[in-house]
C-alpha atoms as a PDB file:
ATOM      1  CA  LEU A   1      -3.793  -8.754   1.260  1.00  0.00           C
ATOM      2  CA  LEU A   2      -1.727  -7.402  -2.396  1.00  0.00           C
ATOM      3  CA  LEU A   3      -3.924  -4.314  -4.201  1.00  0.00           C
ATOM      4  CA  THR A   4      -2.633  -4.091  -8.061  1.00  0.00           C
ATOM      5  CA  ILE A   5      -3.708  -0.723  -9.357  1.00  0.00           C
ATOM      6  CA  THR A   6      -2.757   0.465 -12.765  1.00  0.00           C
ATOM      7  CA  ALA A   7      -4.876   0.789 -15.706  1.00  0.00           C
ATOM      8  CA  PRO A   8      -7.702  -1.564 -16.987  1.00  0.00           C
ATOM      9  CA  ASN A   9      -5.693  -2.465 -20.578  1.00  0.00           C
ATOM     10  CA  GLN A  10      -2.312  -3.233 -17.969  1.00  0.00           C
ATOM     11  CA  LEU A  11      -4.408  -5.469 -15.688  1.00  0.00           C
ATOM     12  CA  GLN A  12      -5.600  -7.745 -18.934  1.00  0.00           C
ATOM     13  CA  ARG A  13      -1.854  -8.057 -19.820  1.00  0.00           C
ATOM     14  CA  ILE A  14      -0.169  -8.338 -16.104  1.00  0.00           C
ATOM     15  CA  GLU A  15       1.239 -11.985 -16.488  1.00  0.00           C
ATOM     16  CA  GLN A  16       2.673 -10.758 -19.809  1.00  0.00           C
ATOM     17  CA  ILE A  17       4.502  -7.570 -17.806  1.00  0.00           C
ATOM     18  CA  ARG A  18       5.322  -9.665 -15.366  1.00  0.00           C
ATOM     19  CA  ALA A  19       7.233 -12.522 -17.696  1.00  0.00           C
ATOM     20  CA  GLN A  20       9.274  -9.339 -19.390  1.00  0.00           C
ATOM     21  CA  HIS A  21      10.174  -7.934 -15.742  1.00  0.00           C
ATOM     22  CA  LEU A  22      11.379 -11.239 -15.018  1.00  0.00           C
ATOM     23  CA  ALA A  23      13.402 -11.973 -18.228  1.00  0.00           C
ATOM     24  CA  ARG A  24      14.896  -8.558 -18.088  1.00  0.00           C
ATOM     25  CA  LEU A  25      16.606  -9.852 -14.893  1.00  0.00           C
ATOM     26  CA  SER A  26      19.004 -11.696 -17.185  1.00  0.00           C
ATOM     27  CA  SER A  27      19.767  -9.033 -19.532  1.00  0.00           C
ATOM     28  CA  SER A  28      21.078  -5.335 -18.968  1.00  0.00           C
ATOM     29  CA  GLU A  29      18.921  -4.630 -22.154  1.00  0.00           C
ATOM     30  CA  VAL A  30      16.831  -1.985 -20.543  1.00  0.00           C
ATOM     31  CA  LYS A  31      13.331  -1.918 -22.223  1.00  0.00           C
ATOM     32  CA  THR A  32      11.001   1.613 -21.657  1.00  0.00           C
ATOM     33  CA  GLU A  33       7.409  -0.056 -23.224  1.00  0.00           C
ATOM     34  CA  THR A  34       7.425  -1.823 -20.162  1.00  0.00           C
ATOM     35  CA  PRO A  35       5.247  -0.264 -17.394  1.00  0.00           C
ATOM     36  CA  ALA A  36       6.992   0.749 -14.337  1.00  0.00           C
ATOM     37  CA  VAL A  37       6.528  -1.497 -11.079  1.00  0.00           C
ATOM     38  CA  ALA A  38       5.717   0.369  -7.916  1.00  0.00           C
ATOM     39  CA  TRP A  39       6.259  -1.463  -4.456  1.00  0.00           C
ATOM     40  CA  MET A  40       4.033   0.612  -1.821  1.00  0.00           C
ATOM     41  CA  GLY A  41       4.355  -1.364   1.880  1.00  0.00           C
ATOM     42  CA  TYR A  42       2.581   0.447   4.680  1.00  0.00           C
ATOM     43  CA  SER A  43       2.955  -0.107   8.520  1.00  0.00           C
ATOM     44  CA  VAL A  44       5.735  -2.347   8.924  1.00  0.00           C
ATOM     45  CA  HIS A  45       5.213  -1.639  12.963  1.00  0.00           C
ATOM     46  CA  GLY A  46       1.628  -3.055  14.079  1.00  0.00           C
ATOM     47  CA  ASN A  47       1.843  -0.305  17.069  1.00  0.00           C
ATOM     48  CA  GLU A  48       1.720   2.255  13.931  1.00  0.00           C
ATOM     49  CA  PRO A  49      -1.349   2.230  12.034  1.00  0.00           C
ATOM     50  CA  SER A  50      -1.272   5.616  10.387  1.00  0.00           C
ATOM     51  CA  GLY A  51       0.203   3.503   7.384  1.00  0.00           C
ATOM     52  CA  SER A  52      -2.392   1.392   6.958  1.00  0.00           C
ATOM     53  CA  ASN A  53      -4.836   4.248   7.135  1.00  0.00           C
ATOM     54  CA  ALA A  54      -3.416   6.352   4.273  1.00  0.00           C
ATOM     55  CA  ALA A  55      -2.919   3.195   2.472  1.00  0.00           C
ATOM     56  CA  LEU A  56      -6.695   3.258   1.952  1.00  0.00           C
ATOM     57  CA  LEU A  57      -6.663   6.854   0.892  1.00  0.00           C
ATOM     58  CA  VAL A  58      -3.698   6.186  -1.996  1.00  0.00           C
ATOM     59  CA  ALA A  59      -5.301   2.902  -3.052  1.00  0.00           C
ATOM     60  CA  TYR A  60      -8.896   5.020  -3.422  1.00  0.00           C
ATOM     61  CA  TYR A  61      -7.329   8.108  -4.829  1.00  0.00           C
ATOM     62  CA  LEU A  62      -5.370   6.147  -7.898  1.00  0.00           C
ATOM     63  CA  ALA A  63      -8.600   3.803  -8.440  1.00  0.00           C
ATOM     64  CA  ALA A  64     -11.140   6.720  -8.783  1.00  0.00           C
ATOM     65  CA  ALA A  65      -9.193   9.880  -9.746  1.00  0.00           C
ATOM     66  CA  GLN A  66     -10.351  10.966 -13.295  1.00  0.00           C
ATOM     67  CA  GLY A  67      -7.115  13.218 -13.698  1.00  0.00           C
ATOM     68  CA  ASP A  68      -4.967  13.189 -16.538  1.00  0.00           C
ATOM     69  CA  ALA A  69      -1.582  12.861 -13.896  1.00  0.00           C
ATOM     70  CA  VAL A  70      -3.320   9.747 -12.482  1.00  0.00           C
ATOM     71  CA  GLN A  71      -4.078   8.365 -15.761  1.00  0.00           C
ATOM     72  CA  THR A  72      -1.075   8.994 -17.214  1.00  0.00           C
ATOM     73  CA  LEU A  73       0.657   7.319 -13.570  1.00  0.00           C
ATOM     74  CA  LEU A  74      -1.654   3.988 -14.143  1.00  0.00           C
ATOM     75  CA  LYS A  75      -1.091   3.668 -18.016  1.00  0.00           C
ATOM     76  CA  ASN A  76       2.923   3.878 -16.791  1.00  0.00           C
ATOM     77  CA  THR A  77       3.210   2.020 -13.541  1.00  0.00           C
ATOM     78  CA  ILE A  78       1.815  -1.034 -12.153  1.00  0.00           C
ATOM     79  CA  VAL A  79       1.439   0.210  -8.301  1.00  0.00           C
ATOM     80  CA  LEU A  80       1.469  -2.985  -6.025  1.00  0.00           C
ATOM     81  CA  LEU A  81       0.232  -1.731  -3.010  1.00  0.00           C
ATOM     82  CA  ASP A  82       0.416  -3.574   1.064  1.00  0.00           C
ATOM     83  CA  PRO A  83      -1.519  -1.850   3.006  1.00  0.00           C
ATOM     84  CA  SER A  84      -0.210  -3.718   6.102  1.00  0.00           C
ATOM     85  CA  LEU A  85       3.452  -5.598   6.475  1.00  0.00           C
ATOM     86  CA  ASN A  86       2.296  -6.656   9.810  1.00  0.00           C
ATOM     87  CA  PRO A  87      -1.486  -7.826   9.582  1.00  0.00           C
ATOM     88  CA  ASP A  88      -1.503  -9.659  12.950  1.00  0.00           C
ATOM     89  CA  GLY A  89       1.057  -6.764  14.843  1.00  0.00           C
ATOM     90  CA  LEU A  90      -1.910  -4.245  14.046  1.00  0.00           C
ATOM     91  CA  ALA A  91      -4.614  -6.291  15.050  1.00  0.00           C
ATOM     92  CA  ARG A  92      -3.228  -7.019  18.121  1.00  0.00           C
ATOM     93  CA  PHE A  93      -2.313  -3.027  18.623  1.00  0.00           C
ATOM     94  CA  ALA A  94      -6.267  -2.421  17.574  1.00  0.00           C
ATOM     95  CA  GLN A  95      -7.697  -4.908  19.695  1.00  0.00           C
ATOM     96  CA  TRP A  96      -5.431  -3.447  23.010  1.00  0.00           C
ATOM     97  CA  ALA A  97      -6.131   0.279  21.601  1.00  0.00           C
ATOM     98  CA  ASN A  98      -9.869  -0.079  22.283  1.00  0.00           C
ATOM     99  CA  SER A  99      -9.589  -2.253  25.249  1.00  0.00           C
ATOM    100  CA  ASN A 100      -7.791   0.235  27.191  1.00  0.00           C
ATOM    101  CA  ARG A 101      -8.853   3.542  26.054  1.00  0.00           C
ATOM    102  CA  GLY A 102     -10.834   5.505  28.156  1.00  0.00           C
ATOM    103  CA  MET A 103     -13.986   7.114  27.537  1.00  0.00           C
ATOM    104  CA  ASN A 104     -12.774  10.748  29.213  1.00  0.00           C
ATOM    105  CA  LEU A 105      -8.966  10.667  27.453  1.00  0.00           C
ATOM    106  CA  SER A 106      -6.372  11.181  30.699  1.00  0.00           C
ATOM    107  CA  ALA A 107      -3.454  13.361  29.915  1.00  0.00           C
ATOM    108  CA  ASP A 108      -1.374  11.848  32.630  1.00  0.00           C
ATOM    109  CA  PRO A 109       1.670  10.195  31.314  1.00  0.00           C
ATOM    110  CA  GLN A 110       1.649   7.651  33.492  1.00  0.00           C
ATOM    111  CA  HIS A 111      -1.342   6.321  32.456  1.00  0.00           C
ATOM    112  CA  ARG A 112      -1.889   2.894  30.871  1.00  0.00           C
ATOM    113  CA  GLU A 113      -2.796   4.675  27.816  1.00  0.00           C
ATOM    114  CA  HIS A 114       0.119   6.346  27.362  1.00  0.00           C
ATOM    115  CA  VAL A 115       2.777   3.453  28.303  1.00  0.00           C
END
């Protein structure tokens, strides 16, 4: 899953922007009229779910915010957001956590919830 978040007019010309960025790879010329591309990758390790959870909030904020700061950001930037760089590991961890956690939390550091 890869989300592309930007202003609507930038999204309509996403292939043109992509081609411009690829053309710049072989040129030393810097063109400031082309929007920047920001890659946001979350949760490299499957047992670290907080990154993927935070990614959902970031995506919602960028898509729903009405303020000038966010609108300016989206006008000048293409945000590529990957909520989980390791979705299989995250799914495995979620399955393990949901299978092994008890209804009554244990403070014992040797309990299987903590090892």
